[in-house]
Each structure stands twice: as structure tokens, then as C-alpha cells.
């Protein structure tokens, strides 16, 4: 088993607005727990699984996992201009 993020989380993340995903990615690369938590608060309530996992990662300082999750999506959105 690798540390691959579940496809369900990737699917939920992909439904979020791209600017929010990019901000999450930026905040995670800066290891800013306050900023990441503020951004998580902007995620709609129906994405509860995603919210809970992201909060757990922030509390455990696993910014690398947040970067892994957000990187493919935020890089796709920036190349589609």
C-alpha cells in the first residue's frame, strides 16, 4: 500500500472552485496551518469527508499530503488558460 490518496477525496477536491484549490496548495507549500484551516472553512459542508481528512492532515503537519492531493488539479487548471 502506497500513501496514495483515495480517489473519492480527489473527486471531491476536483469539485471545488479552482482558486480555492490553488490557495490550499499555496498555503500547504508554505506550511501555514492557520491559512490552510481558514481555507478549509470555505469548503462547502457536503464535502465533509474531505474537510475531516484535510483538518487531520493539518493537525499532524502532513502538508506533503495536501500538496500531493492538490498539485495535479491546480497544475491542470493553470495550464488551461
C-alpha atoms as a PDB file:
ATOM      1  CA  UNK A   1       0.000   0.000   0.000  1.00  0.00           C
ATOM      2  CA  UNK A   2       1.406   3.343  -1.022  1.00  0.00           C
ATOM      3  CA  UNK A   3       0.408   6.635   0.546  1.00  0.00           C
ATOM      4  CA  UNK A   4      -1.922   7.233  -2.383  1.00  0.00           C
ATOM      5  CA  UNK A   5      -4.839   9.478  -1.648  1.00  0.00           C
ATOM      6  CA  UNK A   6      -8.242   7.882  -2.168  1.00  0.00           C
ATOM      7  CA  UNK A   7      -9.945   8.636  -5.451  1.00  0.00           C
ATOM      8  CA  UNK A   8     -13.041   9.746  -3.515  1.00  0.00           C
ATOM      9  CA  UNK A   9     -11.043  12.591  -1.967  1.00  0.00           C
ATOM     10  CA  UNK A  10      -9.618  13.563  -5.351  1.00  0.00           C
ATOM     11  CA  UNK A  11     -13.137  13.573  -6.794  1.00  0.00           C
ATOM     12  CA  UNK A  12     -14.446  15.811  -4.010  1.00  0.00           C
ATOM     13  CA  UNK A  13     -11.479  18.161  -4.312  1.00  0.00           C
ATOM     14  CA  UNK A  14     -11.983  18.427  -8.079  1.00  0.00           C
ATOM     15  CA  UNK A  15     -15.489  19.806  -7.472  1.00  0.00           C
ATOM     16  CA  UNK A  16     -14.170  22.783  -5.517  1.00  0.00           C
ATOM     17  CA  UNK A  17     -13.513  26.149  -7.192  1.00  0.00           C
ATOM     18  CA  UNK A  18     -10.045  26.187  -8.764  1.00  0.00           C
ATOM     19  CA  UNK A  19      -8.923  29.351  -6.947  1.00  0.00           C
ATOM     20  CA  UNK A  20      -9.626  27.620  -3.623  1.00  0.00           C
ATOM     21  CA  UNK A  21      -7.602  24.554  -4.659  1.00  0.00           C
ATOM     22  CA  UNK A  22      -4.725  26.794  -5.742  1.00  0.00           C
ATOM     23  CA  UNK A  23      -4.836  28.695  -2.441  1.00  0.00           C
ATOM     24  CA  UNK A  24      -4.858  25.422  -0.498  1.00  0.00           C
ATOM     25  CA  UNK A  25      -1.860  24.240  -2.487  1.00  0.00           C
ATOM     26  CA  UNK A  26      -0.014  27.547  -1.889  1.00  0.00           C
ATOM     27  CA  UNK A  27      -0.779  27.523   1.842  1.00  0.00           C
ATOM     28  CA  UNK A  28       0.393  23.907   2.142  1.00  0.00           C
ATOM     29  CA  UNK A  29       3.665  24.655   0.346  1.00  0.00           C
ATOM     30  CA  UNK A  30       4.212  27.446   2.909  1.00  0.00           C
ATOM     31  CA  UNK A  31       3.299  25.042   5.751  1.00  0.00           C
ATOM     32  CA  UNK A  32       0.850  27.649   7.032  1.00  0.00           C
ATOM     33  CA  UNK A  33      -1.553  25.719   9.245  1.00  0.00           C
ATOM     34  CA  UNK A  34      -3.633  28.832  10.072  1.00  0.00           C
ATOM     35  CA  UNK A  35      -4.128  29.667   6.416  1.00  0.00           C
ATOM     36  CA  UNK A  36      -4.927  26.087   5.410  1.00  0.00           C
ATOM     37  CA  UNK A  37      -7.538  25.859   8.188  1.00  0.00           C
ATOM     38  CA  UNK A  38      -9.107  29.160   7.078  1.00  0.00           C
ATOM     39  CA  UNK A  39      -9.340  27.806   3.527  1.00  0.00           C
ATOM     40  CA  UNK A  40     -10.797  24.504   4.738  1.00  0.00           C
ATOM     41  CA  UNK A  41     -13.557  26.554   6.416  1.00  0.00           C
ATOM     42  CA  UNK A  42     -14.545  27.788   2.937  1.00  0.00           C
ATOM     43  CA  UNK A  43     -15.194  24.242   1.681  1.00  0.00           C
ATOM     44  CA  UNK A  44     -18.961  23.552   1.494  1.00  0.00           C
ATOM     45  CA  UNK A  45     -20.395  21.244   4.160  1.00  0.00           C
ATOM     46  CA  UNK A  46     -21.341  18.496   1.721  1.00  0.00           C
ATOM     47  CA  UNK A  47     -17.622  17.699   1.349  1.00  0.00           C
ATOM     48  CA  UNK A  48     -17.423  16.552   4.975  1.00  0.00           C
ATOM     49  CA  UNK A  49     -15.059  13.627   4.268  1.00  0.00           C
ATOM     50  CA  UNK A  50     -12.623  15.923   2.513  1.00  0.00           C
ATOM     51  CA  UNK A  51     -12.860  18.545   5.284  1.00  0.00           C
ATOM     52  CA  UNK A  52     -12.193  15.985   8.023  1.00  0.00           C
ATOM     53  CA  UNK A  53      -9.213  14.446   6.242  1.00  0.00           C
ATOM     54  CA  UNK A  54      -7.663  17.842   5.455  1.00  0.00           C
ATOM     55  CA  UNK A  55      -8.082  19.012   9.058  1.00  0.00           C
ATOM     56  CA  UNK A  56      -6.486  15.812  10.331  1.00  0.00           C
ATOM     57  CA  UNK A  57      -3.532  16.302   7.981  1.00  0.00           C
ATOM     58  CA  UNK A  58      -3.078  19.917   9.116  1.00  0.00           C
ATOM     59  CA  UNK A  59      -3.155  18.893  12.784  1.00  0.00           C
ATOM     60  CA  UNK A  60      -0.493  16.271  12.036  1.00  0.00           C
ATOM     61  CA  UNK A  61       1.514  18.744   9.914  1.00  0.00           C
ATOM     62  CA  UNK A  62       1.163  16.496   6.871  1.00  0.00           C
ATOM     63  CA  UNK A  63       1.339  19.374   4.384  1.00  0.00           C
ATOM     64  CA  UNK A  64       3.078  16.985   1.972  1.00  0.00           C
ATOM     65  CA  UNK A  65      -0.196  15.032   1.656  1.00  0.00           C
ATOM     66  CA  UNK A  66      -2.182  18.202   0.976  1.00  0.00           C
ATOM     67  CA  UNK A  67       0.371  19.206  -1.670  1.00  0.00           C
ATOM     68  CA  UNK A  68       0.137  15.732  -3.268  1.00  0.00           C
ATOM     69  CA  UNK A  69      -3.657  15.954  -3.316  1.00  0.00           C
ATOM     70  CA  UNK A  70      -3.910  19.492  -4.700  1.00  0.00           C
ATOM     71  CA  UNK A  71      -0.925  19.511  -7.062  1.00  0.00           C
ATOM     72  CA  UNK A  72      -2.364  17.581 -10.043  1.00  0.00           C
ATOM     73  CA  UNK A  73      -5.578  19.615 -10.008  1.00  0.00           C
ATOM     74  CA  UNK A  74      -4.082  23.041  -9.501  1.00  0.00           C
ATOM     75  CA  UNK A  75      -1.414  22.433 -12.173  1.00  0.00           C
ATOM     76  CA  UNK A  76      -4.082  21.297 -14.662  1.00  0.00           C
ATOM     77  CA  UNK A  77      -6.174  24.419 -14.040  1.00  0.00           C
ATOM     78  CA  UNK A  78      -3.227  26.781 -14.538  1.00  0.00           C
ATOM     79  CA  UNK A  79      -2.252  25.195 -17.881  1.00  0.00           C
ATOM     80  CA  UNK A  80      -5.774  25.584 -19.306  1.00  0.00           C
ATOM     81  CA  UNK A  81      -5.737  29.333 -19.730  1.00  0.00           C
END
